[in-house]
Amino acid sequence: MQQRNLWMFASIFALAMAVACGGGGGGGGETAAPAATPAAPAAAPVDSASAGNIAGTVMIEGTPPGAEELRMSSDPVCVQQATNTSSEHFVVGEGNHLGNVFVYVKEGLEGRSFPEPSGVVTLDQVGCRYSPHVFGLRVGQTLAITNSDPTLHNIHATPTANAEFNMGQPIQGMKSEQTFESPEVMVPFKCDVHGWMHAYVGVLDHPYFATTAQDGLFEISTLPPGDYVLEAWHEKLGTQTQNVTVVAGATADVAFTFSVL
């Protein structure tokens, strides 16, 4: 009887040690990894059937300064390559319509998310100018910066909410890619080699923005119905804001007028 009791005690002790050491888990004592957190569902696109649009015009009142003649003689290649040597500060079309104005939804989209941006936005250096001069892109969207000129260019972005970068492209055909991680209106670009080269990009966490051409027109489409604040930005004339209500299936008309004193 005593021998049997000793055998039972030994068996129970062995079983307890196996459990304490994880022997019953078949994992060699390793702790099981926590379950992975499921990824957040992708944002659904706005239903075009229940969305509205904004169509607008930007004009200038008064007489804007005449276009400056850019002096490119510091680089003979630029003199040869340039097809346009006028400044782009004031691009005025027929009827005093104003180009190079960046218009975007500033308020009214808080709490919303949108599908990840697709496609690449290109900033080219051609004719010793940045092209386009004013443009927009999304947070995280790829910006491809290319050099189409057979001369050295230096791309120097000076944001305040994003990381600054400064890089050279000495060879024609070179290409670099950058992204911005935070919304910012506007991010200035300059070329430290050619002081007349400037560009501006509006970085947004939504797709509702546009840049006017010389005709001063813009369109922002497929907006969820609601009340919004639009902002129009011009590099020399500053900013203006305007309230607008978007109704499903309708287009709201908006007009901005910048004054030159």
Protein backbone atom coordinates (compact mmCIF):
# COMPACT_ATOMS: atom_id res chain seq x y z
CA MET A 1 0.00 0.00 0.00
CA GLN A 2 2.81 2.36 0.92
CA GLN A 3 4.56 1.59 -2.37
CA ARG A 4 1.33 2.31 -4.28
CA ASN A 5 0.91 5.65 -2.52
CA LEU A 6 4.46 6.63 -3.35
CA TRP A 7 3.83 5.74 -7.01
CA MET A 8 0.66 7.87 -7.13
CA PHE A 9 2.47 10.80 -5.48
CA ALA A 10 5.28 10.58 -8.00
CA SER A 11 2.81 10.49 -10.91
CA ILE A 12 0.91 13.55 -9.64
CA PHE A 13 4.18 15.44 -9.07
CA ALA A 14 5.38 14.66 -12.59
CA LEU A 15 2.09 15.80 -14.09
CA ALA A 16 2.20 19.04 -12.11
CA MET A 17 5.74 19.76 -13.29
CA ALA A 18 4.77 19.11 -16.90
CA VAL A 19 1.89 21.57 -16.70
CA ALA A 20 4.03 24.20 -14.94
CA CYS A 21 6.69 23.93 -17.66
CA GLY A 22 4.19 24.03 -20.47
CA GLY A 23 4.72 20.43 -21.36
CA GLY A 24 1.05 19.91 -22.06
CA GLY A 25 0.93 22.76 -24.64
CA GLY A 26 3.14 21.10 -27.23
CA GLY A 27 4.99 24.42 -27.69
CA GLY A 28 8.21 23.75 -25.85
CA GLY A 29 7.34 26.37 -23.22
CA GLU A 30 6.84 29.21 -25.76
CA THR A 31 4.16 31.78 -25.06
CA ALA A 32 1.45 31.92 -27.71
CA ALA A 33 1.56 35.09 -29.83
CA PRO A 34 -1.37 37.47 -29.34
CA ALA A 35 -3.96 37.50 -32.08
CA ALA A 36 -3.27 40.08 -34.77
CA THR A 37 -5.41 43.21 -34.71
CA PRO A 38 -7.63 43.19 -37.78
CA ALA A 39 -6.85 45.95 -40.28
CA ALA A 40 -9.23 48.88 -40.40
CA PRO A 41 -11.68 48.60 -43.27
CA ALA A 42 -10.81 50.66 -46.33
CA ALA A 43 -12.74 53.87 -46.71
CA ALA A 44 -15.62 53.57 -49.14
CA PRO A 45 -15.78 55.99 -52.07
CA VAL A 46 -18.46 58.65 -52.00
CA ASP A 47 -21.64 57.56 -53.77
CA SER A 48 -21.84 59.72 -56.89
CA ALA A 49 -25.62 59.30 -57.00
CA SER A 50 -26.02 61.15 -53.70
CA ALA A 51 -23.14 63.60 -54.12
CA GLY A 52 -23.03 67.20 -55.31
CA ASN A 53 -20.52 69.44 -57.05
CA ILE A 54 -18.98 72.90 -56.87
CA ALA A 55 -18.21 74.96 -59.96
CA GLY A 56 -16.52 78.31 -59.67
CA THR A 57 -14.68 81.24 -61.16
CA VAL A 58 -11.76 83.26 -59.84
CA MET A 59 -11.31 86.81 -61.09
CA ILE A 60 -9.03 89.75 -60.41
CA GLU A 61 -10.23 93.31 -59.88
CA GLY A 62 -7.94 96.17 -60.77
CA THR A 63 -4.79 96.23 -62.86
CA PRO A 64 -2.29 93.54 -61.94
CA PRO A 65 1.44 94.19 -62.37
CA GLY A 66 2.75 93.24 -65.77
CA ALA A 67 4.66 90.01 -66.17
CA GLU A 68 8.32 90.30 -65.30
CA GLU A 69 10.95 89.24 -67.81
CA LEU A 70 13.06 86.55 -66.18
CA ARG A 71 16.82 86.92 -66.54
CA MET A 72 18.19 83.47 -67.32
CA SER A 73 21.60 84.56 -68.62
CA SER A 74 23.35 82.95 -65.62
CA ASP A 75 22.86 79.59 -67.33
CA PRO A 76 23.35 79.50 -71.13
CA VAL A 77 21.48 76.20 -71.29
CA CYS A 78 18.40 77.91 -69.86
CA VAL A 79 18.65 80.68 -72.44
CA GLN A 80 18.64 78.01 -75.13
CA GLN A 81 15.96 75.79 -73.60
CA ALA A 82 13.45 78.37 -72.37
CA THR A 83 10.29 78.85 -74.40
CA ASN A 84 8.72 81.20 -71.84
CA THR A 85 10.69 83.84 -69.98
CA SER A 86 7.77 85.67 -68.31
CA SER A 87 6.99 85.36 -64.60
CA GLU A 88 3.94 83.35 -63.55
CA HIS A 89 2.90 85.43 -60.54
CA PHE A 90 -0.14 86.84 -62.34
CA VAL A 91 -1.70 84.68 -65.03
CA VAL A 92 -4.67 86.72 -66.22
CA GLY A 93 -7.01 85.61 -68.95
CA GLU A 94 -9.80 87.24 -70.91
CA GLY A 95 -12.26 89.18 -68.76
CA ASN A 96 -9.77 89.39 -65.86
CA HIS A 97 -10.05 85.71 -65.03
CA LEU A 98 -7.18 84.61 -62.78
CA GLY A 99 -5.07 81.50 -63.15
CA ASN A 100 -2.75 79.64 -60.77
CA VAL A 101 -5.22 79.88 -57.88
CA PHE A 102 -5.44 76.83 -55.64
CA VAL A 103 -9.01 76.21 -54.40
CA TYR A 104 -9.80 73.54 -51.83
CA VAL A 105 -12.27 72.46 -49.15
CA LYS A 106 -10.81 73.86 -45.93
CA GLU A 107 -13.58 72.89 -43.50
CA GLY A 108 -16.52 70.50 -43.51
CA LEU A 109 -14.84 67.13 -44.05
CA GLU A 110 -13.73 66.56 -40.46
CA GLY A 111 -14.15 62.96 -39.31
CA ARG A 112 -14.37 61.59 -42.83
CA SER A 113 -11.88 59.30 -44.49
CA PHE A 114 -11.34 58.63 -48.17
CA PRO A 115 -9.80 55.85 -50.26
CA GLU A 116 -6.03 55.90 -50.58
CA PRO A 117 -4.80 58.13 -53.42
CA SER A 118 -3.85 56.42 -56.65
CA GLY A 119 -1.66 57.61 -59.46
CA VAL A 120 1.52 59.66 -59.46
CA VAL A 121 1.69 63.47 -59.61
CA THR A 122 4.61 64.81 -61.67
CA LEU A 123 6.57 68.01 -61.11
CA ASP A 124 8.79 68.58 -64.14
CA GLN A 125 11.71 70.95 -64.68
CA VAL A 126 11.49 71.93 -68.30
CA GLY A 127 12.70 75.09 -70.01
CA CYS A 128 14.24 76.01 -66.65
CA ARG A 129 10.77 76.34 -65.13
CA TYR A 130 8.76 74.19 -62.77
CA SER A 131 5.71 72.68 -64.43
CA PRO A 132 3.10 72.96 -63.06
CA HIS A 133 3.64 76.16 -61.11
CA VAL A 134 0.74 75.54 -58.69
CA PHE A 135 -0.79 72.11 -58.07
CA GLY A 136 -2.16 69.76 -55.42
CA LEU A 137 -1.75 66.19 -54.25
CA ARG A 138 -2.83 63.92 -51.41
CA VAL A 139 -1.05 62.99 -48.21
CA GLY A 140 1.02 59.89 -48.98
CA GLN A 141 0.65 60.24 -52.74
CA THR A 142 3.81 59.84 -54.80
CA LEU A 143 5.29 63.02 -56.24
CA ALA A 144 7.65 62.26 -59.14
CA ILE A 145 10.16 65.06 -59.72
CA THR A 146 11.87 64.94 -63.09
CA ASN A 147 14.54 66.96 -64.88
CA SER A 148 13.82 67.38 -68.57
CA ASP A 149 16.62 69.94 -69.06
CA PRO A 150 20.27 69.19 -69.96
CA THR A 151 21.49 71.23 -67.00
CA LEU A 152 21.74 70.99 -63.22
CA HIS A 153 18.60 71.68 -61.20
CA ASN A 154 18.26 71.68 -57.43
CA ILE A 155 14.89 70.90 -55.86
CA HIS A 156 14.50 72.50 -52.46
CA ALA A 157 11.14 72.08 -50.70
CA THR A 158 10.63 74.23 -47.60
CA PRO A 159 7.50 72.99 -45.81
CA THR A 160 6.59 73.75 -42.21
CA ALA A 161 4.40 70.73 -41.36
CA ASN A 162 6.42 68.18 -43.37
CA ALA A 163 10.07 67.21 -43.69
CA GLU A 164 12.24 69.56 -45.74
CA PHE A 165 14.23 68.08 -48.60
CA ASN A 166 16.93 69.47 -50.84
CA MET A 167 18.38 67.42 -53.69
CA GLY A 168 20.16 67.93 -56.97
CA GLN A 169 19.41 66.50 -60.40
CA PRO A 170 22.48 67.20 -62.57
CA ILE A 171 21.58 64.87 -65.44
CA GLN A 172 18.77 65.22 -67.98
CA GLY A 173 16.14 62.55 -67.44
CA MET A 174 16.80 62.09 -63.73
CA LYS A 175 13.78 61.30 -61.58
CA SER A 176 13.19 61.29 -57.83
CA GLU A 177 10.13 60.45 -55.77
CA GLN A 178 8.88 62.12 -52.60
CA THR A 179 5.80 61.96 -50.38
CA PHE A 180 4.31 64.25 -47.77
CA GLU A 181 2.93 62.87 -44.53
CA SER A 182 0.83 65.80 -43.28
CA PRO A 183 -1.66 68.23 -44.85
CA GLU A 184 -0.11 71.59 -45.69
CA VAL A 185 -1.25 74.51 -47.85
CA MET A 186 1.07 75.51 -49.43
CA VAL A 187 4.52 73.87 -49.69
CA PRO A 188 7.00 76.10 -51.58
CA PHE A 189 9.60 74.70 -53.98
CA LYS A 190 12.63 76.57 -55.25
CA CYS A 191 15.74 75.87 -57.27
CA ASP A 192 18.88 77.10 -55.51
CA VAL A 193 20.70 77.11 -58.87
CA HIS A 194 18.14 79.19 -60.77
CA GLY A 195 16.61 81.78 -58.46
CA TRP A 196 13.60 82.47 -60.69
CA MET A 197 12.27 78.89 -60.41
CA HIS A 198 9.41 78.50 -57.92
CA ALA A 199 6.44 76.17 -57.50
CA TYR A 200 3.77 75.57 -54.85
CA VAL A 201 1.91 72.41 -53.87
CA GLY A 202 -1.16 72.03 -51.68
CA VAL A 203 -1.06 68.77 -49.71
CA LEU A 204 -4.44 67.53 -48.48
CA ASP A 205 -5.93 64.48 -46.77
CA HIS A 206 -8.92 64.50 -49.12
CA PRO A 207 -9.43 64.73 -52.89
CA TYR A 208 -11.44 67.99 -53.04
CA PHE A 209 -9.16 70.60 -54.59
CA ALA A 210 -8.43 72.23 -57.94
CA THR A 211 -6.11 74.77 -59.59
CA THR A 212 -7.42 77.39 -61.99
CA ALA A 213 -6.02 77.76 -65.48
CA GLN A 214 -5.88 81.09 -67.31
CA ASP A 215 -9.66 80.99 -67.74
CA GLY A 216 -10.05 81.22 -63.95
CA LEU A 217 -12.44 78.25 -63.81
CA PHE A 218 -12.42 75.37 -61.35
CA GLU A 219 -14.58 72.39 -60.47
CA ILE A 220 -14.69 70.21 -57.37
CA SER A 221 -16.90 67.19 -57.92
CA THR A 222 -18.50 64.27 -56.05
CA LEU A 223 -18.71 65.96 -52.66
CA PRO A 224 -20.89 64.52 -49.90
CA PRO A 225 -23.87 66.83 -49.28
CA GLY A 226 -23.12 69.33 -46.50
CA ASP A 227 -21.87 72.75 -45.54
CA TYR A 228 -18.29 73.62 -46.40
CA VAL A 229 -15.73 76.39 -46.25
CA LEU A 230 -13.76 76.85 -49.47
CA GLU A 231 -10.43 78.63 -49.54
CA ALA A 232 -8.80 80.17 -52.60
CA TRP A 233 -5.03 80.75 -52.40
CA HIS A 234 -2.88 82.98 -54.63
CA GLU A 235 0.86 83.37 -54.20
CA LYS A 236 0.79 87.18 -54.29
CA LEU A 237 -2.78 88.08 -53.32
CA GLY A 238 -3.20 85.84 -50.28
CA THR A 239 -6.32 83.85 -49.43
CA GLN A 240 -10.09 84.22 -49.44
CA THR A 241 -12.72 81.94 -47.90
CA GLN A 242 -16.35 81.40 -48.73
CA ASN A 243 -19.16 79.27 -47.30
CA VAL A 244 -20.96 76.93 -49.66
CA THR A 245 -23.72 74.36 -49.26
CA VAL A 246 -23.59 71.24 -51.41
CA VAL A 247 -26.87 69.49 -52.19
CA ALA A 248 -27.19 65.97 -53.57
CA GLY A 249 -27.43 65.93 -57.37
CA ALA A 250 -26.83 69.68 -57.72
CA THR A 251 -23.92 71.99 -58.54
CA ALA A 252 -23.22 74.98 -56.31
CA ASP A 253 -21.82 78.05 -58.07
CA VAL A 254 -19.04 80.01 -56.37
CA ALA A 255 -17.11 83.14 -57.39
CA PHE A 256 -13.94 84.60 -55.86
CA THR A 257 -12.61 88.06 -56.69
CA PHE A 258 -9.13 89.18 -55.69
CA SER A 259 -8.41 92.91 -55.68
CA VAL A 260 -5.22 94.63 -56.71
CA LEU A 261 -4.88 97.99 -54.96
